[in-house]
Amino acid sequence: MFTDVIELILAAGYTSKQYKGSIVRKASSKFDSLKLFMRIAWELGLLDHKQYARISQPLDDVGKMLGGWLKQVQAIPDSTSQ
C-alpha cells in the first residue's frame, strides 16, 4: 500500500494537467487508507507508542502536502470541459 502511494505520487508528478487531478485524488485516498491501517496496527498493539509516534509526524507532513496538492489541482480548470 505504501508503495502504491509512492507510485501514484510519482505518476502525478509526470502527468499532464488534464489527468493530474485524478491521480492526486487516488494517491490521497490510498494515503488515507494507509494512515487508517497504521492506526489499526497501533490499536492492535502491532506498533508500540514510540513506533507510532515516530511514524505519525512524517505521515501528517505528507498528508498536508498531498492535501495542498489536491487543492491546487482542483483549482485548475479542466481543459476537457471547455
N, C-alpha and C. Protein backbone atom coordinates (compact mmCIF):
# COMPACT_ATOMS: atom_id res chain seq x y z
N MET A 1 0.82 -1.19 0.00
CA MET A 1 0.00 0.00 0.00
C MET A 1 0.87 1.26 0.00
N PHE A 2 1.93 1.26 0.82
CA PHE A 2 2.83 2.41 0.85
C PHE A 2 3.46 2.63 -0.51
N THR A 3 3.86 1.54 -1.15
CA THR A 3 4.48 1.67 -2.48
C THR A 3 3.46 2.15 -3.51
N ASP A 4 2.20 1.81 -3.33
CA ASP A 4 1.15 2.32 -4.23
C ASP A 4 1.06 3.83 -4.15
N VAL A 5 1.12 4.36 -2.93
CA VAL A 5 1.05 5.81 -2.73
C VAL A 5 2.24 6.47 -3.39
N ILE A 6 3.44 5.93 -3.19
CA ILE A 6 4.64 6.50 -3.80
C ILE A 6 4.53 6.46 -5.32
N GLU A 7 4.07 5.35 -5.85
CA GLU A 7 3.92 5.21 -7.30
C GLU A 7 2.94 6.24 -7.86
N LEU A 8 1.83 6.45 -7.17
CA LEU A 8 0.84 7.43 -7.63
C LEU A 8 1.38 8.85 -7.55
N ILE A 9 2.12 9.16 -6.49
CA ILE A 9 2.70 10.50 -6.36
C ILE A 9 3.70 10.75 -7.49
N LEU A 10 4.53 9.76 -7.78
CA LEU A 10 5.48 9.91 -8.88
C LEU A 10 4.76 10.06 -10.21
N ALA A 11 3.74 9.26 -10.43
CA ALA A 11 2.98 9.34 -11.67
C ALA A 11 2.33 10.71 -11.83
N ALA A 12 1.78 11.24 -10.74
CA ALA A 12 1.14 12.55 -10.80
C ALA A 12 2.14 13.64 -11.14
N GLY A 13 3.35 13.49 -10.65
CA GLY A 13 4.39 14.48 -10.94
C GLY A 13 4.76 14.56 -12.41
N TYR A 14 4.58 13.47 -13.13
CA TYR A 14 4.95 13.42 -14.55
C TYR A 14 3.76 13.40 -15.49
N THR A 15 2.57 13.57 -14.96
CA THR A 15 1.35 13.51 -15.76
C THR A 15 0.91 14.90 -16.17
N SER A 16 0.27 15.00 -17.31
CA SER A 16 -0.23 16.29 -17.78
C SER A 16 -1.33 16.80 -16.85
N LYS A 17 -1.56 18.09 -16.89
CA LYS A 17 -2.56 18.72 -16.03
C LYS A 17 -3.93 18.09 -16.21
N GLN A 18 -4.20 17.62 -17.40
CA GLN A 18 -5.51 17.04 -17.71
C GLN A 18 -5.82 15.84 -16.82
N TYR A 19 -4.82 15.04 -16.49
CA TYR A 19 -5.04 13.81 -15.73
C TYR A 19 -4.50 13.86 -14.31
N LYS A 20 -3.77 14.91 -13.99
CA LYS A 20 -3.11 15.01 -12.69
C LYS A 20 -4.09 14.96 -11.52
N GLY A 21 -5.22 15.66 -11.63
CA GLY A 21 -6.19 15.69 -10.54
C GLY A 21 -6.69 14.32 -10.15
N SER A 22 -6.97 13.51 -11.14
CA SER A 22 -7.46 12.16 -10.88
C SER A 22 -6.42 11.32 -10.14
N ILE A 23 -5.19 11.44 -10.55
CA ILE A 23 -4.13 10.65 -9.92
C ILE A 23 -3.85 11.15 -8.50
N VAL A 24 -3.85 12.46 -8.30
CA VAL A 24 -3.61 13.01 -6.96
C VAL A 24 -4.75 12.60 -6.02
N ARG A 25 -5.99 12.61 -6.52
CA ARG A 25 -7.12 12.16 -5.69
C ARG A 25 -6.95 10.69 -5.30
N LYS A 26 -6.52 9.87 -6.24
CA LYS A 26 -6.31 8.46 -5.95
C LYS A 26 -5.18 8.28 -4.93
N ALA A 27 -4.10 9.04 -5.08
CA ALA A 27 -2.99 8.97 -4.13
C ALA A 27 -3.45 9.39 -2.73
N SER A 28 -4.26 10.44 -2.67
CA SER A 28 -4.77 10.92 -1.39
C SER A 28 -5.65 9.87 -0.72
N SER A 29 -6.48 9.23 -1.51
CA SER A 29 -7.36 8.18 -0.98
C SER A 29 -6.55 6.99 -0.46
N LYS A 30 -5.56 6.56 -1.23
CA LYS A 30 -4.70 5.45 -0.79
C LYS A 30 -3.94 5.84 0.47
N PHE A 31 -3.49 7.09 0.53
CA PHE A 31 -2.75 7.56 1.69
C PHE A 31 -3.64 7.56 2.93
N ASP A 32 -4.89 7.98 2.78
CA ASP A 32 -5.82 7.94 3.91
C ASP A 32 -6.01 6.50 4.40
N SER A 33 -6.07 5.56 3.48
CA SER A 33 -6.18 4.14 3.85
C SER A 33 -4.93 3.69 4.60
N LEU A 34 -3.78 4.11 4.13
CA LEU A 34 -2.53 3.76 4.78
C LEU A 34 -2.51 4.27 6.22
N LYS A 35 -2.92 5.53 6.41
CA LYS A 35 -2.96 6.09 7.77
C LYS A 35 -3.92 5.30 8.66
N LEU A 36 -5.05 4.91 8.10
CA LEU A 36 -6.02 4.12 8.86
C LEU A 36 -5.43 2.79 9.30
N PHE A 37 -4.76 2.10 8.37
CA PHE A 37 -4.16 0.82 8.71
C PHE A 37 -3.03 0.96 9.73
N MET A 38 -2.30 2.06 9.66
CA MET A 38 -1.26 2.30 10.66
C MET A 38 -1.89 2.49 12.05
N ARG A 39 -3.00 3.21 12.08
CA ARG A 39 -3.68 3.41 13.37
C ARG A 39 -4.24 2.09 13.91
N ILE A 40 -4.80 1.28 13.02
CA ILE A 40 -5.30 -0.03 13.45
C ILE A 40 -4.16 -0.89 13.98
N ALA A 41 -3.02 -0.85 13.30
CA ALA A 41 -1.86 -1.62 13.77
C ALA A 41 -1.44 -1.17 15.16
N TRP A 42 -1.48 0.14 15.41
CA TRP A 42 -1.14 0.66 16.74
C TRP A 42 -2.16 0.21 17.77
N GLU A 43 -3.45 0.31 17.42
CA GLU A 43 -4.50 -0.08 18.37
C GLU A 43 -4.46 -1.57 18.69
N LEU A 44 -4.01 -2.37 17.74
CA LEU A 44 -3.90 -3.82 17.98
C LEU A 44 -2.61 -4.19 18.70
N GLY A 45 -1.77 -3.20 18.93
CA GLY A 45 -0.52 -3.47 19.62
C GLY A 45 0.60 -3.96 18.72
N LEU A 46 0.41 -3.88 17.42
CA LEU A 46 1.45 -4.30 16.50
C LEU A 46 2.56 -3.25 16.40
N LEU A 47 2.21 -2.02 16.75
CA LEU A 47 3.18 -0.93 16.86
C LEU A 47 3.10 -0.40 18.28
N ASP A 48 4.24 -0.18 18.92
CA ASP A 48 4.18 0.42 20.25
C ASP A 48 4.05 1.93 20.12
N HIS A 49 3.90 2.61 21.24
CA HIS A 49 3.65 4.06 21.22
C HIS A 49 4.79 4.83 20.57
N LYS A 50 6.03 4.42 20.84
CA LYS A 50 7.18 5.12 20.26
C LYS A 50 7.21 4.95 18.74
N GLN A 51 6.96 3.75 18.28
CA GLN A 51 6.96 3.50 16.83
C GLN A 51 5.86 4.31 16.15
N TYR A 52 4.69 4.30 16.76
CA TYR A 52 3.56 5.03 16.17
C TYR A 52 3.84 6.53 16.16
N ALA A 53 4.40 7.04 17.24
CA ALA A 53 4.72 8.47 17.31
C ALA A 53 5.77 8.84 16.28
N ARG A 54 6.76 7.98 16.09
CA ARG A 54 7.83 8.23 15.13
C ARG A 54 7.30 8.23 13.69
N ILE A 55 6.30 7.43 13.42
CA ILE A 55 5.72 7.33 12.07
C ILE A 55 4.67 8.42 11.85
N SER A 56 3.97 8.81 12.89
CA SER A 56 2.84 9.73 12.75
C SER A 56 3.23 11.10 12.20
N GLN A 57 4.32 11.67 12.68
CA GLN A 57 4.68 13.02 12.24
C GLN A 57 4.99 13.07 10.74
N PRO A 58 5.84 12.18 10.22
CA PRO A 58 6.06 12.21 8.77
C PRO A 58 4.78 11.94 7.97
N LEU A 59 3.91 11.06 8.49
CA LEU A 59 2.65 10.80 7.80
C LEU A 59 1.78 12.06 7.77
N ASP A 60 1.75 12.79 8.87
CA ASP A 60 0.99 14.05 8.91
C ASP A 60 1.55 15.05 7.91
N ASP A 61 2.87 15.13 7.82
CA ASP A 61 3.51 16.06 6.89
C ASP A 61 3.17 15.71 5.43
N VAL A 62 3.25 14.43 5.10
CA VAL A 62 2.91 14.01 3.74
C VAL A 62 1.44 14.27 3.46
N GLY A 63 0.58 14.02 4.44
CA GLY A 63 -0.85 14.29 4.27
C GLY A 63 -1.13 15.75 3.99
N LYS A 64 -0.42 16.65 4.68
CA LYS A 64 -0.59 18.09 4.43
C LYS A 64 -0.14 18.45 3.03
N MET A 65 0.99 17.87 2.60
CA MET A 65 1.48 18.15 1.25
C MET A 65 0.51 17.64 0.20
N LEU A 66 0.01 16.43 0.40
CA LEU A 66 -0.96 15.87 -0.55
C LEU A 66 -2.24 16.70 -0.57
N GLY A 67 -2.69 17.13 0.60
CA GLY A 67 -3.88 17.97 0.67
C GLY A 67 -3.70 19.28 -0.07
N GLY A 68 -2.53 19.89 0.07
CA GLY A 68 -2.25 21.13 -0.65
C GLY A 68 -2.20 20.91 -2.14
N TRP A 69 -1.59 19.81 -2.56
CA TRP A 69 -1.52 19.49 -3.98
C TRP A 69 -2.91 19.22 -4.53
N LEU A 70 -3.74 18.55 -3.75
CA LEU A 70 -5.10 18.27 -4.17
C LEU A 70 -5.89 19.56 -4.37
N LYS A 71 -5.76 20.50 -3.45
CA LYS A 71 -6.43 21.80 -3.60
C LYS A 71 -5.93 22.52 -4.85
N GLN A 72 -4.64 22.43 -5.09
CA GLN A 72 -4.05 23.10 -6.25
C GLN A 72 -4.60 22.53 -7.56
N VAL A 73 -4.64 21.22 -7.67
CA VAL A 73 -5.10 20.62 -8.94
C VAL A 73 -6.62 20.78 -9.11
N GLN A 74 -7.35 20.89 -8.01
CA GLN A 74 -8.78 21.11 -8.12
C GLN A 74 -9.10 22.53 -8.58
N ALA A 75 -8.17 23.45 -8.35
CA ALA A 75 -8.37 24.84 -8.75
C ALA A 75 -8.06 25.06 -10.23
N ILE A 76 -7.39 24.10 -10.87
CA ILE A 76 -7.06 24.22 -12.28
C ILE A 76 -8.28 23.86 -13.10
N PRO A 77 -8.70 24.76 -13.99
CA PRO A 77 -9.87 24.44 -14.83
C PRO A 77 -9.59 23.22 -15.70
N ASP A 78 -10.59 22.39 -15.84
CA ASP A 78 -10.48 21.20 -16.66
C ASP A 78 -10.57 21.58 -18.12
N SER A 79 -9.51 21.31 -18.88
CA SER A 79 -9.48 21.73 -20.29
C SER A 79 -10.44 20.90 -21.14
N THR A 80 -10.88 19.74 -20.66
CA THR A 80 -11.78 18.91 -21.45
C THR A 80 -13.23 19.41 -21.40
N SER A 81 -13.54 20.27 -20.42
CA SER A 81 -14.93 20.70 -20.27
C SER A 81 -15.21 22.00 -21.03
N GLN A 82 -14.21 22.55 -21.71
CA GLN A 82 -14.41 23.80 -22.43
C GLN A 82 -14.88 23.59 -23.83
